[in-house]
Amino acid sequence: MSNPVKTSSPKISPSEICKTPCFDQDKVAAIKAMLSTEEERLPELADFYKLLGNTTRLKILFALGESELCVCDIAHVLELSTAATSHQLKSLRQQGWLRKRDDGKMVYYRLHSVDLLKALKGDLEMLKQHS
């Protein structure tokens, strides 16, 4: 049985909504309209961040941003078993962030999304600046 995808915040009763008049009603209306256009994609974005919320997967993405690597090399970089490494690679590949290439018995992975790597490096830089 599949889990239903949560598509919005839980609804609150009208008595719980803020009763203070808005200072800038036009701004609030514009932001609510913008959010409603994104409502369908926000659960997908939350899943995206959930997948990135794992240090091992982030290390894999940064490593593959440097070079194509075989599963064994990635396992050595991470100091993990090949089985554990393959499990993490599968999650990233299913998301479409990696590509694989078979070469005989060896499987090589490379980063498919340069934009993802740019975003991750930008986020890391932001963290460095705020620490």
Protein backbone atom coordinates (compact mmCIF):
# COMPACT_ATOMS: atom_id res chain seq x y z
CA MET A 1 0.00 0.00 0.00
CA SER A 2 1.48 3.37 -0.98
CA ASN A 3 1.64 6.33 1.35
CA PRO A 4 -0.48 9.28 0.30
CA VAL A 5 1.52 12.34 -0.66
CA LYS A 6 0.91 15.25 1.65
CA THR A 7 0.11 18.17 -0.62
CA SER A 8 -0.56 21.02 1.78
CA SER A 9 -0.32 22.21 5.33
CA PRO A 10 -2.98 20.98 7.73
CA LYS A 11 -6.06 23.16 7.58
CA ILE A 12 -6.74 25.24 10.64
CA SER A 13 -10.10 26.37 11.86
CA PRO A 14 -11.15 29.96 11.12
CA SER A 15 -11.00 30.74 14.84
CA GLU A 16 -7.24 30.02 14.81
CA ILE A 17 -6.40 32.38 11.92
CA CYS A 18 -4.72 35.63 12.92
CA LYS A 19 -7.37 38.32 13.55
CA THR A 20 -4.98 41.27 13.37
CA PRO A 21 -5.63 43.30 10.22
CA CYS A 22 -2.82 43.07 7.69
CA PHE A 23 -0.60 46.09 7.33
CA ASP A 24 -0.14 45.42 3.62
CA GLN A 25 -3.08 43.41 2.31
CA ASP A 26 -1.92 43.62 -1.32
CA LYS A 27 1.46 42.12 -0.45
CA VAL A 28 -0.14 39.30 1.54
CA ALA A 29 -2.57 38.55 -1.31
CA ALA A 30 0.26 38.51 -3.88
CA ILE A 31 2.35 36.14 -1.76
CA LYS A 32 -0.63 33.84 -1.15
CA ALA A 33 -1.28 33.77 -4.92
CA MET A 34 2.37 32.94 -5.62
CA LEU A 35 2.36 30.14 -3.05
CA SER A 36 -0.86 28.69 -4.46
CA THR A 37 0.80 28.37 -7.88
CA GLU A 38 3.65 26.41 -6.26
CA GLU A 39 1.42 24.29 -3.98
CA GLU A 40 1.59 21.26 -6.26
CA ARG A 41 5.41 21.25 -6.47
CA LEU A 42 6.20 21.98 -2.80
CA PRO A 43 5.85 18.33 -1.66
CA GLU A 44 8.25 17.37 -4.44
CA LEU A 45 10.69 20.03 -3.24
CA ALA A 46 10.37 18.75 0.32
CA ASP A 47 11.24 15.22 -0.90
CA PHE A 48 14.16 16.72 -2.84
CA TYR A 49 15.56 18.23 0.36
CA LYS A 50 14.86 15.06 2.29
CA LEU A 51 17.05 13.13 -0.15
CA LEU A 52 19.78 15.75 0.26
CA GLY A 53 19.44 15.57 4.06
CA ASN A 54 22.01 12.79 4.28
CA THR A 55 25.74 13.44 4.67
CA THR A 56 26.70 10.28 2.77
CA ARG A 57 24.65 11.25 -0.28
CA LEU A 58 26.06 14.78 -0.18
CA LYS A 59 29.60 13.37 -0.09
CA ILE A 60 28.79 11.22 -3.12
CA LEU A 61 27.48 14.22 -5.05
CA PHE A 62 30.54 16.31 -4.20
CA ALA A 63 32.89 13.42 -5.06
CA LEU A 64 31.21 12.84 -8.41
CA GLY A 65 31.39 16.57 -9.03
CA GLU A 66 35.14 16.07 -9.15
CA SER A 67 35.27 13.00 -11.39
CA GLU A 68 33.49 9.92 -12.67
CA LEU A 69 34.13 7.09 -10.20
CA CYS A 70 33.44 3.37 -10.01
CA VAL A 71 31.38 2.03 -7.11
CA CYS A 72 34.50 0.65 -5.40
CA ASP A 73 36.28 4.01 -5.57
CA ILE A 74 33.23 5.76 -4.14
CA ALA A 75 33.08 3.16 -1.35
CA HIS A 76 36.75 3.85 -0.55
CA VAL A 77 36.15 7.61 -0.52
CA LEU A 78 33.24 7.13 1.89
CA GLU A 79 34.87 4.29 3.86
CA LEU A 80 31.73 2.20 3.37
CA SER A 81 30.97 -1.24 2.00
CA THR A 82 30.13 -1.49 -1.67
CA ALA A 83 26.62 -2.65 -0.72
CA ALA A 84 25.99 0.43 1.44
CA THR A 85 27.48 2.65 -1.26
CA SER A 86 25.34 1.05 -3.98
CA HIS A 87 22.22 1.64 -1.86
CA GLN A 88 22.97 5.36 -1.66
CA LEU A 89 23.85 5.54 -5.35
CA LYS A 90 20.55 3.93 -6.27
CA SER A 91 18.59 6.65 -4.43
CA LEU A 92 20.53 9.39 -6.19
CA ARG A 93 20.24 7.72 -9.59
CA GLN A 94 16.47 7.26 -9.20
CA GLN A 95 16.22 11.00 -8.59
CA GLY A 96 17.95 11.53 -11.93
CA TRP A 97 21.03 13.21 -10.47
CA LEU A 98 23.48 10.50 -11.54
CA ARG A 99 24.24 8.53 -14.66
CA LYS A 100 25.91 5.17 -14.71
CA ARG A 101 28.11 3.46 -17.23
CA ASP A 102 28.84 -0.25 -17.30
CA ASP A 103 32.33 -1.29 -18.36
CA GLY A 104 32.54 -5.06 -18.09
CA LYS A 105 32.05 -5.91 -14.42
CA MET A 106 32.72 -2.34 -13.34
CA VAL A 107 30.00 0.26 -12.91
CA TYR A 108 30.96 3.92 -13.11
CA TYR A 109 28.89 6.85 -11.92
CA ARG A 110 29.01 10.48 -12.90
CA LEU A 111 27.02 13.52 -11.89
CA HIS A 112 24.23 14.30 -14.33
CA SER A 113 23.15 17.66 -12.94
CA VAL A 114 25.78 20.39 -12.98
CA ASP A 115 23.13 22.79 -11.69
CA LEU A 116 22.66 20.64 -8.59
CA LEU A 117 26.39 20.74 -7.87
CA LYS A 118 26.43 24.53 -8.33
CA ALA A 119 23.52 24.87 -5.90
CA LEU A 120 25.18 22.61 -3.33
CA LYS A 121 28.48 24.48 -3.58
CA GLY A 122 26.60 27.77 -3.25
CA ASP A 123 24.79 26.51 -0.16
CA LEU A 124 28.06 25.30 1.36
CA GLU A 125 29.63 28.69 0.71
CA MET A 126 26.67 30.40 2.35
CA LEU A 127 27.11 28.22 5.45
CA LYS A 128 30.81 29.10 5.58
CA GLN A 129 30.01 32.81 5.44
CA HIS A 130 27.48 32.57 8.27
CA SER A 131 29.67 30.62 10.66
